[in-house]
Amino acid sequence: MKSHSFIFIGRSGCGKGTQIKLLEEYLKTKDPDHKAITISTGEFLREFITGPSLTQRMCNEAYGSGGLQPEFITVHMWVKPLVENYTGKEHIFFDGTPRKYHEAGVLQSVFSFYKLEKPWVINIDISVEEATKRLLARKRMDDSEDDIRKRLAWYESDVVPTIGYYNDSAEYHFLKINGERPIEEIHADIVKRLNLD
């Protein structure tokens, strides 16, 4: 199997991480020796902000107030794992990134540099109401009602235009997936519509 790259994007709580894991497992059944790299900026950021440097402390403050991180931090979260781990033979998954419109252009330079084939953008779509319900139910530290409102607000202002860019661009395969269904049904829909070789 040839290598593929995937951008999973959608509101917080839509199940991006879960669907990435299921798709990774599916691809392993087709080619057990083909590895994957998953770039989850949220996961990396939560680890990064525990550090003592000025940058880490400032990012921690932004995280605590429910704000978006500056673009250079987001790009750093992509670049480090790719530079250190990508050999040209792995599938690449981007979990919930990019978020801002012009970050998508920076990420395009990654695909161009590594000469990757047309990436897949998988937009898992859930409503604001469903996202709020799921985030409150998981009771994570950064899931207070105020933080949730802020994150869903910047999703509308920052991420929705990015999704529009991907939907309109001939450089990407774009799939809009109904995320308000059972997990396995969503996974089956994704696999069917990807139709990967």
N, C-alpha and C. Protein backbone atom coordinates (compact mmCIF):
# COMPACT_ATOMS: atom_id res chain seq x y z
N MET A 1 0.84 -1.20 0.00
CA MET A 1 0.00 0.00 0.00
C MET A 1 0.87 1.25 0.00
N LYS A 2 0.50 2.23 -0.79
CA LYS A 2 1.24 3.49 -0.78
C LYS A 2 0.86 4.31 0.45
N SER A 3 1.69 5.30 0.78
CA SER A 3 1.43 6.15 1.94
C SER A 3 0.34 7.17 1.64
N HIS A 4 -0.47 7.45 2.64
CA HIS A 4 -1.53 8.46 2.53
C HIS A 4 -1.41 9.44 3.69
N SER A 5 -1.94 10.63 3.49
CA SER A 5 -1.98 11.61 4.57
C SER A 5 -3.42 12.07 4.77
N PHE A 6 -3.75 12.29 6.03
CA PHE A 6 -5.13 12.60 6.42
C PHE A 6 -5.16 13.78 7.40
N ILE A 7 -6.07 14.68 7.17
CA ILE A 7 -6.33 15.77 8.12
C ILE A 7 -7.73 15.53 8.68
N PHE A 8 -7.82 15.27 9.98
CA PHE A 8 -9.12 15.13 10.64
C PHE A 8 -9.44 16.45 11.32
N ILE A 9 -10.61 16.99 11.01
CA ILE A 9 -10.96 18.32 11.50
C ILE A 9 -12.43 18.33 11.90
N GLY A 10 -12.76 19.07 12.94
CA GLY A 10 -14.14 19.14 13.41
C GLY A 10 -14.19 19.76 14.80
N ARG A 11 -15.38 20.04 15.26
CA ARG A 11 -15.53 20.65 16.59
C ARG A 11 -14.94 19.76 17.68
N SER A 12 -14.51 20.38 18.76
CA SER A 12 -14.05 19.62 19.92
C SER A 12 -15.14 18.64 20.34
N GLY A 13 -14.72 17.41 20.62
CA GLY A 13 -15.68 16.39 21.04
C GLY A 13 -16.29 15.59 19.91
N CYS A 14 -15.89 15.87 18.66
CA CYS A 14 -16.52 15.18 17.53
C CYS A 14 -16.02 13.74 17.35
N GLY A 15 -14.92 13.39 18.02
CA GLY A 15 -14.43 12.01 17.92
C GLY A 15 -13.29 11.84 16.93
N LYS A 16 -12.56 12.90 16.64
CA LYS A 16 -11.44 12.82 15.69
C LYS A 16 -10.42 11.76 16.11
N GLY A 17 -9.99 11.84 17.38
CA GLY A 17 -8.96 10.91 17.85
C GLY A 17 -9.40 9.47 17.76
N THR A 18 -10.64 9.22 18.10
CA THR A 18 -11.19 7.85 18.03
C THR A 18 -11.19 7.34 16.60
N GLN A 19 -11.63 8.17 15.67
CA GLN A 19 -11.69 7.74 14.27
C GLN A 19 -10.31 7.58 13.66
N ILE A 20 -9.35 8.38 14.09
CA ILE A 20 -7.97 8.20 13.62
C ILE A 20 -7.45 6.84 14.06
N LYS A 21 -7.67 6.48 15.32
CA LYS A 21 -7.20 5.19 15.83
C LYS A 21 -7.84 4.04 15.05
N LEU A 22 -9.13 4.14 14.79
CA LEU A 22 -9.81 3.08 14.05
C LEU A 22 -9.29 2.98 12.61
N LEU A 23 -9.03 4.13 11.98
CA LEU A 23 -8.51 4.10 10.61
C LEU A 23 -7.09 3.56 10.59
N GLU A 24 -6.28 3.91 11.58
CA GLU A 24 -4.93 3.35 11.69
C GLU A 24 -5.00 1.83 11.77
N GLU A 25 -5.89 1.34 12.62
CA GLU A 25 -6.03 -0.12 12.79
C GLU A 25 -6.48 -0.77 11.49
N TYR A 26 -7.42 -0.13 10.81
CA TYR A 26 -7.90 -0.66 9.52
C TYR A 26 -6.76 -0.74 8.51
N LEU A 27 -5.96 0.32 8.42
CA LEU A 27 -4.87 0.33 7.45
C LEU A 27 -3.81 -0.73 7.79
N LYS A 28 -3.62 -1.00 9.10
CA LYS A 28 -2.68 -2.04 9.50
C LYS A 28 -3.15 -3.42 9.05
N THR A 29 -4.47 -3.63 9.03
CA THR A 29 -4.96 -4.93 8.57
C THR A 29 -4.69 -5.12 7.08
N LYS A 30 -4.63 -4.03 6.34
CA LYS A 30 -4.37 -4.12 4.90
C LYS A 30 -2.88 -4.26 4.61
N ASP A 31 -2.06 -3.67 5.48
CA ASP A 31 -0.61 -3.72 5.29
C ASP A 31 0.06 -3.60 6.66
N PRO A 32 0.27 -4.74 7.34
CA PRO A 32 0.77 -4.73 8.73
C PRO A 32 2.12 -4.04 8.90
N ASP A 33 2.94 -4.00 7.86
CA ASP A 33 4.28 -3.42 7.97
C ASP A 33 4.30 -1.91 7.73
N HIS A 34 3.17 -1.36 7.31
CA HIS A 34 3.11 0.08 7.00
C HIS A 34 2.79 0.85 8.27
N LYS A 35 3.72 1.68 8.73
CA LYS A 35 3.55 2.39 9.99
C LYS A 35 2.82 3.72 9.77
N ALA A 36 2.48 4.38 10.89
CA ALA A 36 1.76 5.65 10.83
C ALA A 36 2.35 6.63 11.83
N ILE A 37 2.27 7.90 11.50
CA ILE A 37 2.63 8.98 12.41
C ILE A 37 1.38 9.82 12.63
N THR A 38 1.00 10.00 13.89
CA THR A 38 -0.15 10.83 14.21
C THR A 38 0.33 12.10 14.90
N ILE A 39 -0.06 13.23 14.34
CA ILE A 39 0.33 14.52 14.90
C ILE A 39 -0.92 15.13 15.53
N SER A 40 -0.94 15.07 16.86
CA SER A 40 -2.07 15.60 17.63
C SER A 40 -1.59 16.84 18.38
N THR A 41 -1.90 18.00 17.87
CA THR A 41 -1.39 19.22 18.50
C THR A 41 -1.95 19.39 19.90
N GLY A 42 -3.18 18.96 20.13
CA GLY A 42 -3.75 19.07 21.47
C GLY A 42 -2.97 18.23 22.48
N GLU A 43 -2.67 17.00 22.10
CA GLU A 43 -1.91 16.10 22.98
C GLU A 43 -0.50 16.63 23.21
N PHE A 44 0.16 17.05 22.12
CA PHE A 44 1.51 17.58 22.25
C PHE A 44 1.53 18.84 23.10
N LEU A 45 0.50 19.67 22.90
CA LEU A 45 0.47 20.94 23.63
C LEU A 45 0.29 20.71 25.13
N ARG A 46 -0.59 19.78 25.49
CA ARG A 46 -0.82 19.52 26.91
C ARG A 46 0.46 19.04 27.60
N GLU A 47 1.30 18.33 26.88
CA GLU A 47 2.59 17.92 27.43
C GLU A 47 3.57 19.10 27.44
N PHE A 48 3.58 19.88 26.37
CA PHE A 48 4.51 20.99 26.22
C PHE A 48 4.35 22.04 27.32
N ILE A 49 3.11 22.36 27.67
CA ILE A 49 2.87 23.47 28.61
C ILE A 49 3.21 23.11 30.05
N THR A 50 3.60 21.88 30.31
CA THR A 50 4.03 21.52 31.67
C THR A 50 5.49 21.91 31.92
N GLY A 51 6.20 22.34 30.88
CA GLY A 51 7.62 22.67 31.01
C GLY A 51 7.86 24.03 31.64
N PRO A 52 9.13 24.31 31.99
CA PRO A 52 9.46 25.50 32.77
C PRO A 52 9.87 26.74 31.97
N SER A 53 10.05 26.61 30.64
CA SER A 53 10.59 27.74 29.89
C SER A 53 9.56 28.87 29.79
N LEU A 54 10.03 30.06 29.43
CA LEU A 54 9.13 31.21 29.26
C LEU A 54 8.04 30.89 28.25
N THR A 55 8.42 30.33 27.11
CA THR A 55 7.45 29.99 26.06
C THR A 55 6.41 29.02 26.59
N GLN A 56 6.85 28.00 27.30
CA GLN A 56 5.92 27.00 27.83
C GLN A 56 4.97 27.61 28.85
N ARG A 57 5.51 28.50 29.70
CA ARG A 57 4.65 29.15 30.69
C ARG A 57 3.61 30.07 30.02
N MET A 58 4.03 30.79 28.98
CA MET A 58 3.10 31.68 28.28
C MET A 58 2.02 30.89 27.55
N CYS A 59 2.42 29.76 26.97
CA CYS A 59 1.44 28.90 26.30
C CYS A 59 0.47 28.30 27.31
N ASN A 60 0.97 28.01 28.51
CA ASN A 60 0.12 27.48 29.57
C ASN A 60 -0.93 28.51 29.97
N GLU A 61 -0.53 29.77 30.04
CA GLU A 61 -1.49 30.84 30.36
C GLU A 61 -2.57 30.95 29.29
N ALA A 62 -2.15 30.90 28.03
CA ALA A 62 -3.13 30.96 26.93
C ALA A 62 -4.07 29.77 26.97
N TYR A 63 -3.51 28.60 27.26
CA TYR A 63 -4.31 27.37 27.34
C TYR A 63 -5.33 27.47 28.47
N GLY A 64 -4.88 28.00 29.61
CA GLY A 64 -5.76 28.12 30.77
C GLY A 64 -6.89 29.09 30.55
N SER A 65 -6.70 30.07 29.66
CA SER A 65 -7.76 31.05 29.40
C SER A 65 -8.64 30.65 28.23
N GLY A 66 -8.38 29.46 27.66
CA GLY A 66 -9.22 28.98 26.56
C GLY A 66 -8.90 29.59 25.22
N GLY A 67 -7.74 30.25 25.10
CA GLY A 67 -7.38 30.90 23.84
C GLY A 67 -6.63 29.98 22.89
N LEU A 68 -6.52 30.43 21.64
CA LEU A 68 -5.73 29.71 20.65
C LEU A 68 -4.25 30.03 20.85
N GLN A 69 -3.41 29.06 20.54
CA GLN A 69 -1.97 29.28 20.62
C GLN A 69 -1.49 30.06 19.39
N PRO A 70 -0.37 30.78 19.52
CA PRO A 70 0.17 31.47 18.35
C PRO A 70 0.56 30.48 17.26
N GLU A 71 0.54 30.94 16.03
CA GLU A 71 0.76 30.04 14.90
C GLU A 71 2.12 29.35 14.95
N PHE A 72 3.15 30.04 15.41
CA PHE A 72 4.47 29.43 15.37
C PHE A 72 4.56 28.23 16.32
N ILE A 73 3.78 28.25 17.40
CA ILE A 73 3.74 27.10 18.31
C ILE A 73 3.04 25.93 17.63
N THR A 74 1.94 26.21 16.96
CA THR A 74 1.22 25.16 16.23
C THR A 74 2.12 24.51 15.19
N VAL A 75 2.83 25.34 14.42
CA VAL A 75 3.72 24.80 13.39
C VAL A 75 4.84 23.98 14.03
N HIS A 76 5.36 24.44 15.15
CA HIS A 76 6.39 23.68 15.88
C HIS A 76 5.87 22.29 16.23
N MET A 77 4.60 22.19 16.61
CA MET A 77 4.01 20.91 16.98
C MET A 77 3.96 19.95 15.79
N TRP A 78 3.84 20.48 14.55
CA TRP A 78 3.86 19.62 13.37
C TRP A 78 5.28 19.22 13.01
N VAL A 79 6.15 20.23 13.02
CA VAL A 79 7.48 20.06 12.44
C VAL A 79 8.33 19.06 13.22
N LYS A 80 8.33 19.18 14.53
CA LYS A 80 9.22 18.34 15.34
C LYS A 80 9.01 16.84 15.10
N PRO A 81 7.78 16.32 15.20
CA PRO A 81 7.61 14.87 14.98
C PRO A 81 7.89 14.44 13.55
N LEU A 82 7.60 15.32 12.58
CA LEU A 82 7.88 14.95 11.19
C LEU A 82 9.38 14.89 10.92
N VAL A 83 10.09 15.92 11.34
CA VAL A 83 11.53 15.96 11.12
C VAL A 83 12.23 14.79 11.80
N GLU A 84 11.76 14.46 13.01
CA GLU A 84 12.43 13.42 13.79
C GLU A 84 12.03 12.00 13.39
N ASN A 85 10.81 11.82 12.86
CA ASN A 85 10.29 10.45 12.69
C ASN A 85 9.89 10.05 11.27
N TYR A 86 9.62 11.00 10.39
CA TYR A 86 9.08 10.64 9.08
C TYR A 86 10.19 10.14 8.16
N THR A 87 10.01 8.95 7.61
CA THR A 87 11.01 8.36 6.72
C THR A 87 10.55 8.35 5.26
N GLY A 88 9.32 8.80 5.02
CA GLY A 88 8.78 8.76 3.66
C GLY A 88 7.95 7.54 3.40
N LYS A 89 7.81 6.66 4.42
CA LYS A 89 7.09 5.40 4.22
C LYS A 89 5.87 5.26 5.11
N GLU A 90 5.57 6.27 5.91
CA GLU A 90 4.45 6.18 6.86
C GLU A 90 3.21 6.91 6.33
N HIS A 91 2.05 6.44 6.82
CA HIS A 91 0.84 7.25 6.71
C HIS A 91 0.96 8.39 7.73
N ILE A 92 0.43 9.56 7.40
CA ILE A 92 0.48 10.68 8.34
C ILE A 92 -0.95 11.12 8.65
N PHE A 93 -1.23 11.24 9.95
CA PHE A 93 -2.53 11.71 10.42
C PHE A 93 -2.34 13.03 11.17
N PHE A 94 -3.13 14.03 10.81
CA PHE A 94 -3.15 15.31 11.54
C PHE A 94 -4.47 15.38 12.30
N ASP A 95 -4.37 15.44 13.61
CA ASP A 95 -5.55 15.39 14.49
C ASP A 95 -5.93 16.80 14.95
N GLY A 96 -6.96 17.36 14.32
CA GLY A 96 -7.50 18.65 14.76
C GLY A 96 -6.64 19.83 14.40
N THR A 97 -5.82 19.70 13.41
CA THR A 97 -4.96 20.79 12.97
C THR A 97 -4.84 20.71 11.45
N PRO A 98 -4.75 21.81 10.74
CA PRO A 98 -4.63 23.19 11.23
C PRO A 98 -5.97 23.75 11.67
N ARG A 99 -5.89 24.84 12.43
CA ARG A 99 -7.10 25.49 12.88
C ARG A 99 -7.34 26.81 12.17
N LYS A 100 -6.29 27.58 11.95
CA LYS A 100 -6.46 28.88 11.30
C LYS A 100 -6.22 28.77 9.80
N TYR A 101 -6.88 29.65 9.06
CA TYR A 101 -6.88 29.60 7.60
C TYR A 101 -5.46 29.60 7.03
N HIS A 102 -4.61 30.51 7.50
CA HIS A 102 -3.27 30.59 6.90
C HIS A 102 -2.35 29.49 7.39
N GLU A 103 -2.71 28.80 8.49
CA GLU A 103 -1.95 27.61 8.88
C GLU A 103 -2.09 26.51 7.83
N ALA A 104 -3.24 26.48 7.15
CA ALA A 104 -3.46 25.48 6.11
C ALA A 104 -2.44 25.65 4.99
N GLY A 105 -2.10 26.91 4.68
CA GLY A 105 -1.09 27.15 3.65
C GLY A 105 0.29 26.67 4.08
N VAL A 106 0.61 26.86 5.37
CA VAL A 106 1.89 26.37 5.88
C VAL A 106 1.92 24.84 5.82
N LEU A 107 0.82 24.22 6.20
CA LEU A 107 0.78 22.76 6.17
C LEU A 107 0.89 22.24 4.74
N GLN A 108 0.35 23.00 3.79
CA GLN A 108 0.48 22.59 2.39
C GLN A 108 1.95 22.49 1.98
N SER A 109 2.78 23.34 2.59
CA SER A 109 4.21 23.27 2.27
C SER A 109 4.83 21.96 2.75
N VAL A 110 4.26 21.37 3.81
CA VAL A 110 4.71 20.05 4.28
C VAL A 110 4.42 19.00 3.21
N PHE A 111 3.19 19.01 2.69
CA PHE A 111 2.82 18.03 1.66
C PHE A 111 3.66 18.20 0.41
N SER A 112 3.91 19.46 0.04
CA SER A 112 4.71 19.73 -1.16
C SER A 112 6.16 19.30 -0.95
N PHE A 113 6.73 19.62 0.20
CA PHE A 113 8.13 19.31 0.48
C PHE A 113 8.38 17.80 0.44
N TYR A 114 7.49 17.04 1.05
CA TYR A 114 7.66 15.60 1.10
C TYR A 114 7.09 14.89 -0.13
N LYS A 115 6.55 15.69 -1.07
CA LYS A 115 5.99 15.14 -2.32
C LYS A 115 4.90 14.10 -2.03
N LEU A 116 4.04 14.44 -1.07
CA LEU A 116 2.95 13.55 -0.71
C LEU A 116 1.80 13.69 -1.69
N GLU A 117 1.12 12.58 -1.91
CA GLU A 117 -0.03 12.61 -2.81
C GLU A 117 -1.17 13.39 -2.19
N LYS A 118 -2.16 13.69 -3.00
CA LYS A 118 -3.31 14.50 -2.60
C LYS A 118 -3.87 14.05 -1.24
N PRO A 119 -3.76 14.90 -0.20
CA PRO A 119 -4.22 14.50 1.14
C PRO A 119 -5.75 14.41 1.22
N TRP A 120 -6.19 13.65 2.21
CA TRP A 120 -7.61 13.54 2.51
C TRP A 120 -7.93 14.45 3.71
N VAL A 121 -8.96 15.26 3.56
CA VAL A 121 -9.47 16.06 4.67
C VAL A 121 -10.80 15.45 5.09
N ILE A 122 -10.88 15.04 6.35
CA ILE A 122 -12.09 14.38 6.86
C ILE A 122 -12.70 15.27 7.93
N ASN A 123 -13.78 15.93 7.56
CA ASN A 123 -14.49 16.85 8.45
C ASN A 123 -15.60 16.09 9.16
N ILE A 124 -15.38 15.79 10.45
CA ILE A 124 -16.41 15.10 11.24
C ILE A 124 -17.32 16.17 11.82
N ASP A 125 -18.52 16.22 11.32
CA ASP A 125 -19.43 17.33 11.61
C ASP A 125 -20.42 16.97 12.71
N ILE A 126 -20.38 17.74 13.80
CA ILE A 126 -21.41 17.64 14.83
C ILE A 126 -21.87 19.06 15.17
N SER A 127 -23.05 19.16 15.74
CA SER A 127 -23.62 20.46 16.08
C SER A 127 -22.95 21.04 17.32
N VAL A 128 -23.15 22.33 17.53
CA VAL A 128 -22.65 22.99 18.74
C VAL A 128 -23.25 22.32 19.98
N GLU A 129 -24.53 22.00 19.90
CA GLU A 129 -25.22 21.40 21.05
C GLU A 129 -24.63 20.03 21.38
N GLU A 130 -24.37 19.24 20.34
CA GLU A 130 -23.80 17.90 20.57
C GLU A 130 -22.38 18.01 21.10
N ALA A 131 -21.60 18.95 20.55
CA ALA A 131 -20.23 19.14 21.04
C ALA A 131 -20.22 19.53 22.51
N THR A 132 -21.09 20.44 22.88
CA THR A 132 -21.16 20.90 24.27
C THR A 132 -21.53 19.74 25.19
N LYS A 133 -22.51 18.96 24.80
CA LYS A 133 -22.94 17.81 25.61
C LYS A 133 -21.80 16.81 25.81
N ARG A 134 -21.08 16.50 24.74
CA ARG A 134 -20.00 15.53 24.84
C ARG A 134 -18.84 16.06 25.68
N LEU A 135 -18.50 17.32 25.52
CA LEU A 135 -17.38 17.88 26.26
C LEU A 135 -17.68 17.96 27.75
N LEU A 136 -18.90 18.31 28.10
CA LEU A 136 -19.27 18.35 29.51
C LEU A 136 -19.27 16.94 30.12
N ALA A 137 -19.63 15.95 29.31
CA ALA A 137 -19.71 14.58 29.80
C ALA A 137 -18.34 13.99 30.09
N ARG A 138 -17.31 14.42 29.36
CA ARG A 138 -16.01 13.78 29.56
C ARG A 138 -15.24 14.37 30.75
N LYS A 139 -15.65 15.54 31.23
CA LYS A 139 -15.16 16.12 32.50
C LYS A 139 -13.63 16.22 32.56
N ARG A 140 -13.04 16.70 31.47
CA ARG A 140 -11.61 16.94 31.50
C ARG A 140 -11.33 18.32 32.09
N MET A 141 -10.08 18.53 32.51
CA MET A 141 -9.72 19.77 33.21
C MET A 141 -10.08 21.03 32.42
N ASP A 142 -9.87 20.98 31.08
CA ASP A 142 -10.12 22.17 30.26
C ASP A 142 -11.52 22.16 29.66
N ASP A 143 -12.44 21.41 30.26
CA ASP A 143 -13.80 21.31 29.72
C ASP A 143 -14.84 21.97 30.62
N SER A 144 -14.50 23.09 31.25
CA SER A 144 -15.51 23.85 31.98
C SER A 144 -16.44 24.50 30.97
N GLU A 145 -17.63 24.88 31.41
CA GLU A 145 -18.59 25.47 30.48
C GLU A 145 -18.04 26.72 29.81
N ASP A 146 -17.30 27.53 30.56
CA ASP A 146 -16.75 28.76 29.99
C ASP A 146 -15.70 28.44 28.94
N ASP A 147 -14.82 27.49 29.23
CA ASP A 147 -13.79 27.10 28.27
C ASP A 147 -14.42 26.50 27.01
N ILE A 148 -15.44 25.70 27.19
CA ILE A 148 -16.12 25.08 26.05
C ILE A 148 -16.73 26.16 25.15
N ARG A 149 -17.39 27.14 25.76
CA ARG A 149 -17.98 28.23 24.96
C ARG A 149 -16.91 28.96 24.15
N LYS A 150 -15.76 29.22 24.77
CA LYS A 150 -14.68 29.92 24.07
C LYS A 150 -14.16 29.09 22.90
N ARG A 151 -13.93 27.80 23.15
CA ARG A 151 -13.40 26.95 22.09
C ARG A 151 -14.37 26.80 20.93
N LEU A 152 -15.64 26.68 21.23
CA LEU A 152 -16.62 26.55 20.15
C LEU A 152 -16.78 27.87 19.41
N ALA A 153 -16.57 28.98 20.10
CA ALA A 153 -16.65 30.29 19.44
C ALA A 153 -15.49 30.47 18.49
N TRP A 154 -14.24 30.14 18.93
CA TRP A 154 -13.14 30.32 17.98
C TRP A 154 -13.15 29.26 16.89
N TYR A 155 -13.86 28.16 17.11
CA TYR A 155 -14.05 27.20 16.02
C TYR A 155 -14.80 27.89 14.88
N GLU A 156 -15.87 28.60 15.24
CA GLU A 156 -16.67 29.28 14.21
C GLU A 156 -15.86 30.37 13.51
N SER A 157 -15.09 31.14 14.28
CA SER A 157 -14.38 32.27 13.69
C SER A 157 -13.10 31.87 12.96
N ASP A 158 -12.42 30.82 13.43
CA ASP A 158 -11.12 30.46 12.86
C ASP A 158 -11.12 29.17 12.05
N VAL A 159 -11.79 28.14 12.55
CA VAL A 159 -11.70 26.83 11.89
C VAL A 159 -12.66 26.71 10.71
N VAL A 160 -13.85 27.26 10.84
CA VAL A 160 -14.83 27.15 9.75
C VAL A 160 -14.28 27.70 8.43
N PRO A 161 -13.61 28.87 8.42
CA PRO A 161 -13.01 29.32 7.16
C PRO A 161 -11.95 28.36 6.61
N THR A 162 -11.21 27.70 7.51
CA THR A 162 -10.21 26.72 7.09
C THR A 162 -10.88 25.53 6.41
N ILE A 163 -11.98 25.08 6.98
CA ILE A 163 -12.74 23.98 6.38
C ILE A 163 -13.24 24.39 5.00
N GLY A 164 -13.69 25.64 4.88
CA GLY A 164 -14.13 26.14 3.58
C GLY A 164 -13.01 26.12 2.55
N TYR A 165 -11.81 26.48 2.99
CA TYR A 165 -10.64 26.44 2.11
C TYR A 165 -10.40 25.03 1.59
N TYR A 166 -10.44 24.05 2.48
CA TYR A 166 -10.19 22.67 2.07
C TYR A 166 -11.30 22.16 1.15
N ASN A 167 -12.53 22.51 1.47
CA ASN A 167 -13.66 22.07 0.66
C ASN A 167 -13.57 22.60 -0.77
N ASP A 168 -13.05 23.81 -0.91
CA ASP A 168 -13.01 24.47 -2.22
C ASP A 168 -11.73 24.18 -3.01
N SER A 169 -10.73 23.56 -2.36
CA SER A 169 -9.42 23.39 -3.00
C SER A 169 -9.33 22.08 -3.77
N ALA A 170 -8.81 22.17 -4.99
CA ALA A 170 -8.60 20.97 -5.80
C ALA A 170 -7.37 20.18 -5.34
N GLU A 171 -6.62 20.73 -4.37
CA GLU A 171 -5.41 20.08 -3.88
C GLU A 171 -5.71 18.97 -2.87
N TYR A 172 -6.98 18.86 -2.46
CA TYR A 172 -7.35 17.92 -1.39
C TYR A 172 -8.58 17.12 -1.78
N HIS A 173 -8.66 15.89 -1.27
CA HIS A 173 -9.92 15.15 -1.24
C HIS A 173 -10.64 15.62 0.02
N PHE A 174 -11.90 15.98 -0.09
CA PHE A 174 -12.64 16.49 1.07
C PHE A 174 -13.86 15.62 1.33
N LEU A 175 -13.96 15.12 2.57
CA LEU A 175 -15.12 14.32 2.99
C LEU A 175 -15.79 15.00 4.17
N LYS A 176 -17.08 15.23 4.07
CA LYS A 176 -17.85 15.70 5.22
C LYS A 176 -18.62 14.51 5.77
N ILE A 177 -18.36 14.21 7.05
CA ILE A 177 -18.90 13.01 7.68
C ILE A 177 -19.84 13.41 8.81
N ASN A 178 -21.03 12.82 8.82
CA ASN A 178 -21.97 13.04 9.92
C ASN A 178 -21.44 12.36 11.17
N GLY A 179 -21.03 13.16 12.17
CA GLY A 179 -20.44 12.62 13.38
C GLY A 179 -21.41 12.30 14.48
N GLU A 180 -22.71 12.46 14.23
CA GLU A 180 -23.71 12.19 15.27
C GLU A 180 -24.35 10.83 15.04
N ARG A 181 -23.48 9.83 14.92
CA ARG A 181 -23.90 8.44 14.72
C ARG A 181 -23.01 7.55 15.58
N PRO A 182 -23.33 6.27 15.68
CA PRO A 182 -22.45 5.36 16.42
C PRO A 182 -21.05 5.34 15.84
N ILE A 183 -20.05 5.14 16.70
CA ILE A 183 -18.65 5.20 16.31
C ILE A 183 -18.34 4.27 15.15
N GLU A 184 -18.79 3.02 15.23
CA GLU A 184 -18.46 2.04 14.18
C GLU A 184 -19.13 2.40 12.86
N GLU A 185 -20.30 3.00 12.92
CA GLU A 185 -20.98 3.42 11.69
C GLU A 185 -20.21 4.56 11.02
N ILE A 186 -19.71 5.48 11.81
CA ILE A 186 -18.89 6.57 11.26
C ILE A 186 -17.63 6.00 10.62
N HIS A 187 -16.96 5.09 11.32
CA HIS A 187 -15.74 4.48 10.79
C HIS A 187 -16.02 3.77 9.46
N ALA A 188 -17.09 3.00 9.41
CA ALA A 188 -17.43 2.28 8.18
C ALA A 188 -17.69 3.25 7.03
N ASP A 189 -18.33 4.36 7.32
CA ASP A 189 -18.60 5.38 6.30
C ASP A 189 -17.30 5.97 5.78
N ILE A 190 -16.37 6.29 6.70
CA ILE A 190 -15.08 6.85 6.30
C ILE A 190 -14.33 5.87 5.40
N VAL A 191 -14.24 4.62 5.82
CA VAL A 191 -13.50 3.61 5.04
C VAL A 191 -14.11 3.44 3.66
N LYS A 192 -15.44 3.40 3.60
CA LYS A 192 -16.11 3.22 2.31
C LYS A 192 -15.82 4.38 1.37
N ARG A 193 -15.86 5.58 1.91
CA ARG A 193 -15.69 6.77 1.06
C ARG A 193 -14.22 7.04 0.71
N LEU A 194 -13.29 6.58 1.54
CA LEU A 194 -11.88 6.71 1.19
C LEU A 194 -11.49 5.79 0.04
N ASN A 195 -11.97 4.54 0.09
CA ASN A 195 -11.70 3.57 -0.97
C ASN A 195 -10.20 3.51 -1.29
N LEU A 196 -9.39 3.25 -0.26
CA LEU A 196 -7.93 3.29 -0.41
C LEU A 196 -7.39 1.99 -0.98
N ASP A 197 -6.25 2.13 -1.69
CA ASP A 197 -5.57 0.91 -2.17
C ASP A 197 -4.26 0.74 -1.42
